[in-house]
Amino acid sequence: SSLLECKDAPAVPAKGAGSKAAANFVVDLYDAH
């Protein structure tokens, strides 16, 4: 069962959140993929 569920995609940062939030989003999205 551990192979049948994947990590959720992260929430998109709020508009104007900044480059650090955008970078963290990209890293977390890649991790989920």
PDB file of all heavy atoms in Angstrom:
ATOM      1  N   SER A   1       0.821  -1.211   0.000  1.00  0.00           N
ATOM      2  CA  SER A   1       0.000   0.000   0.000  1.00  0.00           C
ATOM      3  C   SER A   1       0.858   1.265   0.000  1.00  0.00           C
ATOM      4  O   SER A   1       0.435   2.302  -0.501  1.00  0.00           O
ATOM      5  CB  SER A   1      -0.956   0.010   1.192  1.00  0.00           C
ATOM      6  OG  SER A   1      -0.232  -0.022   2.398  1.00  0.00           O
ATOM      7  N   SER A   2       2.068   1.167   0.510  1.00  0.00           N
ATOM      8  CA  SER A   2       2.952   2.337   0.523  1.00  0.00           C
ATOM      9  C   SER A   2       3.339   2.788  -0.879  1.00  0.00           C
ATOM     10  O   SER A   2       3.764   3.926  -1.073  1.00  0.00           O
ATOM     11  CB  SER A   2       4.217   2.033   1.329  1.00  0.00           C
ATOM     12  OG  SER A   2       4.951   0.978   0.708  1.00  0.00           O
ATOM     13  N   LEU A   3       3.177   1.907  -1.875  1.00  0.00           N
ATOM     14  CA  LEU A   3       3.501   2.264  -3.261  1.00  0.00           C
ATOM     15  C   LEU A   3       2.292   2.789  -4.018  1.00  0.00           C
ATOM     16  O   LEU A   3       2.410   3.189  -5.169  1.00  0.00           O
ATOM     17  CB  LEU A   3       4.070   1.049  -4.002  1.00  0.00           C
ATOM     18  CG  LEU A   3       5.379   0.488  -3.479  1.00  0.00           C
ATOM     19  CD1 LEU A   3       5.804  -0.719  -4.305  1.00  0.00           C
ATOM     20  CD2 LEU A   3       6.462   1.548  -3.464  1.00  0.00           C
ATOM     21  N   LEU A   4       1.138   2.780  -3.387  1.00  0.00           N
ATOM     22  CA  LEU A   4      -0.091   3.158  -4.088  1.00  0.00           C
ATOM     23  C   LEU A   4      -0.532   4.595  -3.823  1.00  0.00           C
ATOM     24  O   LEU A   4      -1.538   5.031  -4.368  1.00  0.00           O
ATOM     25  CB  LEU A   4      -1.217   2.189  -3.716  1.00  0.00           C
ATOM     26  CG  LEU A   4      -0.954   0.732  -4.111  1.00  0.00           C
ATOM     27  CD1 LEU A   4      -2.097  -0.150  -3.623  1.00  0.00           C
ATOM     28  CD2 LEU A   4      -0.769   0.594  -5.611  1.00  0.00           C
ATOM     29  N   GLU A   5       0.197   5.302  -2.995  1.00  0.00           N
ATOM     30  CA  GLU A   5      -0.143   6.695  -2.722  1.00  0.00           C
ATOM     31  C   GLU A   5       1.099   7.555  -2.856  1.00  0.00           C
ATOM     32  O   GLU A   5       2.164   7.207  -2.339  1.00  0.00           O
ATOM     33  CB  GLU A   5      -0.724   6.847  -1.312  1.00  0.00           C
ATOM     34  CG  GLU A   5      -2.076   6.184  -1.166  1.00  0.00           C
ATOM     35  CD  GLU A   5      -2.712   6.485   0.172  1.00  0.00           C
ATOM     36  OE1 GLU A   5      -2.405   7.538   0.765  1.00  0.00           O
ATOM     37  OE2 GLU A   5      -3.513   5.661   0.613  1.00  0.00           O
ATOM     38  N   CYS A   6       0.948   8.662  -3.548  1.00  0.00           N
ATOM     39  CA  CYS A   6       2.055   9.586  -3.750  1.00  0.00           C
ATOM     40  C   CYS A   6       1.859  10.831  -2.892  1.00  0.00           C
ATOM     41  O   CYS A   6       0.753  11.136  -2.458  1.00  0.00           O
ATOM     42  CB  CYS A   6       2.119  10.011  -5.218  1.00  0.00           C
ATOM     43  SG  CYS A   6       2.463   8.637  -6.331  1.00  0.00           S
ATOM     44  N   LYS A   7       2.956  11.532  -2.691  1.00  0.00           N
ATOM     45  CA  LYS A   7       2.870  12.807  -1.984  1.00  0.00           C
ATOM     46  C   LYS A   7       1.977  13.747  -2.774  1.00  0.00           C
ATOM     47  O   LYS A   7       1.969  13.722  -4.004  1.00  0.00           O
ATOM     48  CB  LYS A   7       4.248  13.446  -1.859  1.00  0.00           C
ATOM     49  CG  LYS A   7       5.188  12.735  -0.928  1.00  0.00           C
ATOM     50  CD  LYS A   7       6.515  13.480  -0.849  1.00  0.00           C
ATOM     51  CE  LYS A   7       7.484  12.772   0.075  1.00  0.00           C
ATOM     52  NZ  LYS A   7       8.775  13.474   0.142  1.00  0.00           N
ATOM     53  N   ASP A   8       1.245  14.574  -2.073  1.00  0.00           N
ATOM     54  CA  ASP A   8       0.422  15.585  -2.734  1.00  0.00           C
ATOM     55  C   ASP A   8       1.314  16.675  -3.315  1.00  0.00           C
ATOM     56  O   ASP A   8       2.382  16.975  -2.770  1.00  0.00           O
ATOM     57  CB  ASP A   8      -0.547  16.231  -1.740  1.00  0.00           C
ATOM     58  CG  ASP A   8      -1.635  15.274  -1.284  1.00  0.00           C
ATOM     59  OD1 ASP A   8      -1.984  14.352  -2.049  1.00  0.00           O
ATOM     60  OD2 ASP A   8      -2.134  15.455  -0.156  1.00  0.00           O
ATOM     61  N   ALA A   9       0.851  17.261  -4.398  1.00  0.00           N
ATOM     62  CA  ALA A   9       1.538  18.433  -4.928  1.00  0.00           C
ATOM     63  C   ALA A   9       1.365  19.568  -3.927  1.00  0.00           C
ATOM     64  O   ALA A   9       0.328  19.673  -3.277  1.00  0.00           O
ATOM     65  CB  ALA A   9       0.957  18.818  -6.282  1.00  0.00           C
ATOM     66  N   PRO A  10       2.372  20.399  -3.798  1.00  0.00           N
ATOM     67  CA  PRO A  10       2.258  21.505  -2.843  1.00  0.00           C
ATOM     68  C   PRO A  10       1.281  22.570  -3.335  1.00  0.00           C
ATOM     69  O   PRO A  10       1.004  22.665  -4.534  1.00  0.00           O
ATOM     70  CB  PRO A  10       3.680  22.062  -2.781  1.00  0.00           C
ATOM     71  CG  PRO A  10       4.254  21.736  -4.116  1.00  0.00           C
ATOM     72  CD  PRO A  10       3.656  20.407  -4.491  1.00  0.00           C
ATOM     73  N   ALA A  11       0.795  23.360  -2.415  1.00  0.00           N
ATOM     74  CA  ALA A  11      -0.084  24.472  -2.773  1.00  0.00           C
ATOM     75  C   ALA A  11       0.751  25.558  -3.473  1.00  0.00           C
ATOM     76  O   ALA A  11       1.901  25.803  -3.099  1.00  0.00           O
ATOM     77  CB  ALA A  11      -0.734  25.047  -1.526  1.00  0.00           C
ATOM     78  N   VAL A  12       0.160  26.159  -4.467  1.00  0.00           N
ATOM     79  CA  VAL A  12       0.823  27.252  -5.174  1.00  0.00           C
ATOM     80  C   VAL A  12       0.930  28.429  -4.205  1.00  0.00           C
ATOM     81  O   VAL A  12      -0.032  28.753  -3.517  1.00  0.00           O
ATOM     82  CB  VAL A  12       0.021  27.643  -6.432  1.00  0.00           C
ATOM     83  CG1 VAL A  12       0.638  28.847  -7.119  1.00  0.00           C
ATOM     84  CG2 VAL A  12      -0.074  26.467  -7.389  1.00  0.00           C
ATOM     85  N   PRO A  13       2.115  29.049  -4.143  1.00  0.00           N
ATOM     86  CA  PRO A  13       2.265  30.193  -3.241  1.00  0.00           C
ATOM     87  C   PRO A  13       1.281  31.313  -3.587  1.00  0.00           C
ATOM     88  O   PRO A  13       0.875  31.463  -4.748  1.00  0.00           O
ATOM     89  CB  PRO A  13       3.701  30.658  -3.477  1.00  0.00           C
ATOM     90  CG  PRO A  13       4.390  29.528  -4.140  1.00  0.00           C
ATOM     91  CD  PRO A  13       3.337  28.757  -4.874  1.00  0.00           C
ATOM     92  N   ALA A  14       0.921  32.071  -2.598  1.00  0.00           N
ATOM     93  CA  ALA A  14       0.017  33.201  -2.802  1.00  0.00           C
ATOM     94  C   ALA A  14       0.668  34.226  -3.724  1.00  0.00           C
ATOM     95  O   ALA A  14       1.899  34.358  -3.759  1.00  0.00           O
ATOM     96  CB  ALA A  14      -0.313  33.844  -1.456  1.00  0.00           C
ATOM     97  N   LYS A  15      -0.159  34.927  -4.446  1.00  0.00           N
ATOM     98  CA  LYS A  15       0.336  35.966  -5.344  1.00  0.00           C
ATOM     99  C   LYS A  15       1.187  36.956  -4.548  1.00  0.00           C
ATOM    100  O   LYS A  15       0.788  37.412  -3.481  1.00  0.00           O
ATOM    101  CB  LYS A  15      -0.841  36.678  -6.010  1.00  0.00           C
ATOM    102  CG  LYS A  15      -0.427  37.653  -7.073  1.00  0.00           C
ATOM    103  CD  LYS A  15      -1.633  38.210  -7.792  1.00  0.00           C
ATOM    104  CE  LYS A  15      -1.186  39.152  -8.895  1.00  0.00           C
ATOM    105  NZ  LYS A  15      -2.305  39.652  -9.665  1.00  0.00           N
ATOM    106  N   GLY A  16       2.372  37.250  -5.066  1.00  0.00           N
ATOM    107  CA  GLY A  16       3.264  38.188  -4.420  1.00  0.00           C
ATOM    108  C   GLY A  16       4.053  37.602  -3.257  1.00  0.00           C
ATOM    109  O   GLY A  16       4.643  38.346  -2.479  1.00  0.00           O
ATOM    110  N   ALA A  17       4.075  36.272  -3.122  1.00  0.00           N
ATOM    111  CA  ALA A  17       4.737  35.631  -1.982  1.00  0.00           C
ATOM    112  C   ALA A  17       6.255  35.795  -2.007  1.00  0.00           C
ATOM    113  O   ALA A  17       6.894  35.695  -0.975  1.00  0.00           O
ATOM    114  CB  ALA A  17       4.378  34.157  -1.924  1.00  0.00           C
ATOM    115  N   GLY A  18       6.827  36.015  -3.149  1.00  0.00           N
ATOM    116  CA  GLY A  18       8.268  36.225  -3.210  1.00  0.00           C
ATOM    117  C   GLY A  18       9.019  35.052  -3.813  1.00  0.00           C
ATOM    118  O   GLY A  18       8.490  33.952  -3.989  1.00  0.00           O
ATOM    119  N   SER A  19      10.275  35.308  -4.113  1.00  0.00           N
ATOM    120  CA  SER A  19      11.081  34.309  -4.809  1.00  0.00           C
ATOM    121  C   SER A  19      11.435  33.107  -3.934  1.00  0.00           C
ATOM    122  O   SER A  19      11.572  31.997  -4.432  1.00  0.00           O
ATOM    123  CB  SER A  19      12.351  34.947  -5.370  1.00  0.00           C
ATOM    124  OG  SER A  19      13.104  35.540  -4.349  1.00  0.00           O
ATOM    125  N   LYS A  20      11.588  33.316  -2.621  1.00  0.00           N
ATOM    126  CA  LYS A  20      11.891  32.182  -1.742  1.00  0.00           C
ATOM    127  C   LYS A  20      10.725  31.208  -1.724  1.00  0.00           C
ATOM    128  O   LYS A  20      10.913  29.990  -1.808  1.00  0.00           O
ATOM    129  CB  LYS A  20      12.202  32.659  -0.331  1.00  0.00           C
ATOM    130  CG  LYS A  20      12.598  31.531   0.593  1.00  0.00           C
ATOM    131  CD  LYS A  20      12.998  32.023   1.970  1.00  0.00           C
ATOM    132  CE  LYS A  20      13.364  30.848   2.853  1.00  0.00           C
ATOM    133  NZ  LYS A  20      13.757  31.277   4.189  1.00  0.00           N
ATOM    134  N   ALA A  21       9.502  31.710  -1.645  1.00  0.00           N
ATOM    135  CA  ALA A  21       8.311  30.845  -1.659  1.00  0.00           C
ATOM    136  C   ALA A  21       8.196  30.131  -2.999  1.00  0.00           C
ATOM    137  O   ALA A  21       7.843  28.942  -3.053  1.00  0.00           O
ATOM    138  CB  ALA A  21       7.056  31.664  -1.382  1.00  0.00           C
ATOM    139  N   ALA A  22       8.507  30.833  -4.079  1.00  0.00           N
ATOM    140  CA  ALA A  22       8.455  30.218  -5.413  1.00  0.00           C
ATOM    141  C   ALA A  22       9.495  29.110  -5.530  1.00  0.00           C
ATOM    142  O   ALA A  22       9.218  28.029  -6.055  1.00  0.00           O
ATOM    143  CB  ALA A  22       8.662  31.271  -6.492  1.00  0.00           C
ATOM    144  N   ALA A  23      10.692  29.374  -5.026  1.00  0.00           N
ATOM    145  CA  ALA A  23      11.751  28.364  -5.078  1.00  0.00           C
ATOM    146  C   ALA A  23      11.381  27.141  -4.242  1.00  0.00           C
ATOM    147  O   ALA A  23      11.577  26.002  -4.677  1.00  0.00           O
ATOM    148  CB  ALA A  23      13.068  28.961  -4.591  1.00  0.00           C
ATOM    149  N   ASN A  24      10.843  27.365  -3.051  1.00  0.00           N
ATOM    150  CA  ASN A  24      10.412  26.245  -2.207  1.00  0.00           C
ATOM    151  C   ASN A  24       9.303  25.445  -2.877  1.00  0.00           C
ATOM    152  O   ASN A  24       9.271  24.210  -2.781  1.00  0.00           O
ATOM    153  CB  ASN A  24       9.952  26.744  -0.837  1.00  0.00           C
ATOM    154  CG  ASN A  24      11.106  27.175   0.025  1.00  0.00           C
ATOM    155  OD1 ASN A  24      12.228  26.717  -0.129  1.00  0.00           O
ATOM    156  ND2 ASN A  24      10.844  28.092   0.944  1.00  0.00           N
ATOM    157  N   PHE A  25       8.394  26.141  -3.567  1.00  0.00           N
ATOM    158  CA  PHE A  25       7.318  25.469  -4.289  1.00  0.00           C
ATOM    159  C   PHE A  25       7.896  24.546  -5.356  1.00  0.00           C
ATOM    160  O   PHE A  25       7.483  23.389  -5.478  1.00  0.00           O
ATOM    161  CB  PHE A  25       6.384  26.503  -4.933  1.00  0.00           C
ATOM    162  CG  PHE A  25       5.403  25.898  -5.900  1.00  0.00           C
ATOM    163  CD1 PHE A  25       4.311  25.181  -5.448  1.00  0.00           C
ATOM    164  CD2 PHE A  25       5.578  26.042  -7.264  1.00  0.00           C
ATOM    165  CE1 PHE A  25       3.404  24.611  -6.331  1.00  0.00           C
ATOM    166  CE2 PHE A  25       4.675  25.486  -8.160  1.00  0.00           C
ATOM    167  CZ  PHE A  25       3.595  24.770  -7.689  1.00  0.00           C
ATOM    168  N   VAL A  26       8.856  25.033  -6.117  1.00  0.00           N
ATOM    169  CA  VAL A  26       9.464  24.228  -7.182  1.00  0.00           C
ATOM    170  C   VAL A  26      10.145  22.997  -6.592  1.00  0.00           C
ATOM    171  O   VAL A  26       9.993  21.883  -7.102  1.00  0.00           O
ATOM    172  CB  VAL A  26      10.451  25.067  -8.024  1.00  0.00           C
ATOM    173  CG1 VAL A  26      11.249  24.188  -8.973  1.00  0.00           C
ATOM    174  CG2 VAL A  26       9.709  26.148  -8.797  1.00  0.00           C
ATOM    175  N   VAL A  27      10.879  23.173  -5.513  1.00  0.00           N
ATOM    176  CA  VAL A  27      11.559  22.046  -4.864  1.00  0.00           C
ATOM    177  C   VAL A  27      10.538  21.034  -4.348  1.00  0.00           C
ATOM    178  O   VAL A  27      10.680  19.820  -4.558  1.00  0.00           O
ATOM    179  CB  VAL A  27      12.476  22.537  -3.726  1.00  0.00           C
ATOM    180  CG1 VAL A  27      12.990  21.374  -2.881  1.00  0.00           C
ATOM    181  CG2 VAL A  27      13.638  23.337  -4.293  1.00  0.00           C
ATOM    182  N   ASP A  28       9.489  21.502  -3.694  1.00  0.00           N
ATOM    183  CA  ASP A  28       8.453  20.605  -3.158  1.00  0.00           C
ATOM    184  C   ASP A  28       7.682  19.913  -4.279  1.00  0.00           C
ATOM    185  O   ASP A  28       7.318  18.738  -4.150  1.00  0.00           O
ATOM    186  CB  ASP A  28       7.494  21.366  -2.251  1.00  0.00           C
ATOM    187  CG  ASP A  28       8.152  21.831  -0.963  1.00  0.00           C
ATOM    188  OD1 ASP A  28       9.255  21.347  -0.625  1.00  0.00           O
ATOM    189  OD2 ASP A  28       7.567  22.707  -0.287  1.00  0.00           O
ATOM    190  N   LEU A  29       7.440  20.612  -5.373  1.00  0.00           N
ATOM    191  CA  LEU A  29       6.745  20.014  -6.511  1.00  0.00           C
ATOM    192  C   LEU A  29       7.594  18.918  -7.132  1.00  0.00           C
ATOM    193  O   LEU A  29       7.102  17.830  -7.451  1.00  0.00           O
ATOM    194  CB  LEU A  29       6.409  21.089  -7.548  1.00  0.00           C
ATOM    195  CG  LEU A  29       5.564  20.652  -8.736  1.00  0.00           C
ATOM    196  CD1 LEU A  29       4.196  20.148  -8.272  1.00  0.00           C
ATOM    197  CD2 LEU A  29       5.394  21.821  -9.706  1.00  0.00           C
ATOM    198  N   TYR A  30       8.885  19.174  -7.284  1.00  0.00           N
ATOM    199  CA  TYR A  30       9.789  18.157  -7.813  1.00  0.00           C
ATOM    200  C   TYR A  30       9.827  16.954  -6.874  1.00  0.00           C
ATOM    201  O   TYR A  30       9.820  15.806  -7.329  1.00  0.00           O
ATOM    202  CB  TYR A  30      11.196  18.720  -8.011  1.00  0.00           C
ATOM    203  CG  TYR A  30      12.149  17.657  -8.491  1.00  0.00           C
ATOM    204  CD1 TYR A  30      12.186  17.283  -9.832  1.00  0.00           C
ATOM    205  CD2 TYR A  30      12.985  16.991  -7.599  1.00  0.00           C
ATOM    206  CE1 TYR A  30      13.037  16.282 -10.265  1.00  0.00           C
ATOM    207  CE2 TYR A  30      13.828  15.988  -8.033  1.00  0.00           C
ATOM    208  CZ  TYR A  30      13.855  15.637  -9.363  1.00  0.00           C
ATOM    209  OH  TYR A  30      14.682  14.633  -9.786  1.00  0.00           O
ATOM    210  N   ASP A  31       9.865  17.192  -5.576  1.00  0.00           N
ATOM    211  CA  ASP A  31       9.888  16.107  -4.599  1.00  0.00           C
ATOM    212  C   ASP A  31       8.644  15.229  -4.721  1.00  0.00           C
ATOM    213  O   ASP A  31       8.740  13.995  -4.675  1.00  0.00           O
ATOM    214  CB  ASP A  31      10.011  16.686  -3.194  1.00  0.00           C
ATOM    215  CG  ASP A  31      10.163  15.615  -2.133  1.00  0.00           C
ATOM    216  OD1 ASP A  31      11.049  14.742  -2.282  1.00  0.00           O
ATOM    217  OD2 ASP A  31       9.402  15.653  -1.143  1.00  0.00           O
ATOM    218  N   ALA A  32       7.483  15.848  -4.891  1.00  0.00           N
ATOM    219  CA  ALA A  32       6.236  15.086  -5.055  1.00  0.00           C
ATOM    220  C   ALA A  32       6.282  14.270  -6.344  1.00  0.00           C
ATOM    221  O   ALA A  32       5.875  13.100  -6.364  1.00  0.00           O
ATOM    222  CB  ALA A  32       5.037  16.029  -5.056  1.00  0.00           C
ATOM    223  N   HIS A  33       6.782  14.872  -7.411  1.00  0.00           N
ATOM    224  CA  HIS A  33       6.917  14.143  -8.680  1.00  0.00           C
ATOM    225  C   HIS A  33       7.855  12.958  -8.510  1.00  0.00           C
ATOM    226  O   HIS A  33       7.546  11.842  -8.942  1.00  0.00           O
ATOM    227  CB  HIS A  33       7.450  15.071  -9.779  1.00  0.00           C
ATOM    228  CG  HIS A  33       8.042  14.320 -10.923  1.00  0.00           C
ATOM    229  ND1 HIS A  33       7.278  13.701 -11.877  1.00  0.00           N
ATOM    230  CD2 HIS A  33       9.329  14.060 -11.230  1.00  0.00           C
ATOM    231  CE1 HIS A  33       8.072  13.096 -12.747  1.00  0.00           C
ATOM    232  NE2 HIS A  33       9.321  13.304 -12.372  1.00  0.00           N
TER     233      HIS A  33
END
